[in-house]
Amino acid sequence: MKPKADLAGIWVAVSLVLIAALPLPAQTTYGKIVGNVRDSSDSVMAGVQVAVTNDATGESYTQLTNELGAYAFNTLIPGAYTIKA
């Protein structure tokens, strides 16, 4: 019986190592920039065009703020960005 117990322990250990090495779906190489646009009286501003530009590549993305003045640029490659509204 001893050899079967040893093999079972080894099988469990190997299985755990293999499972731990699998990539998780939540891991990503992208970043995001989120924020909101407000005026000088701190009121939200809907429909404002916001642009983010990657400083290294010059690639630019634009979108309009929603009814809460919010914007979100998801799936950006890592780097420095300039934001303009």
Foldseek 3Di string as FASTA:
>chain_A
DVVVVVVVVVVVVVVVVVVVPDDDPVDDQFDKDKDFDADPVRAGDWQDKKKKAAPVPRDMDIDTAHPRRMDMDTRHHDGDIDMDD
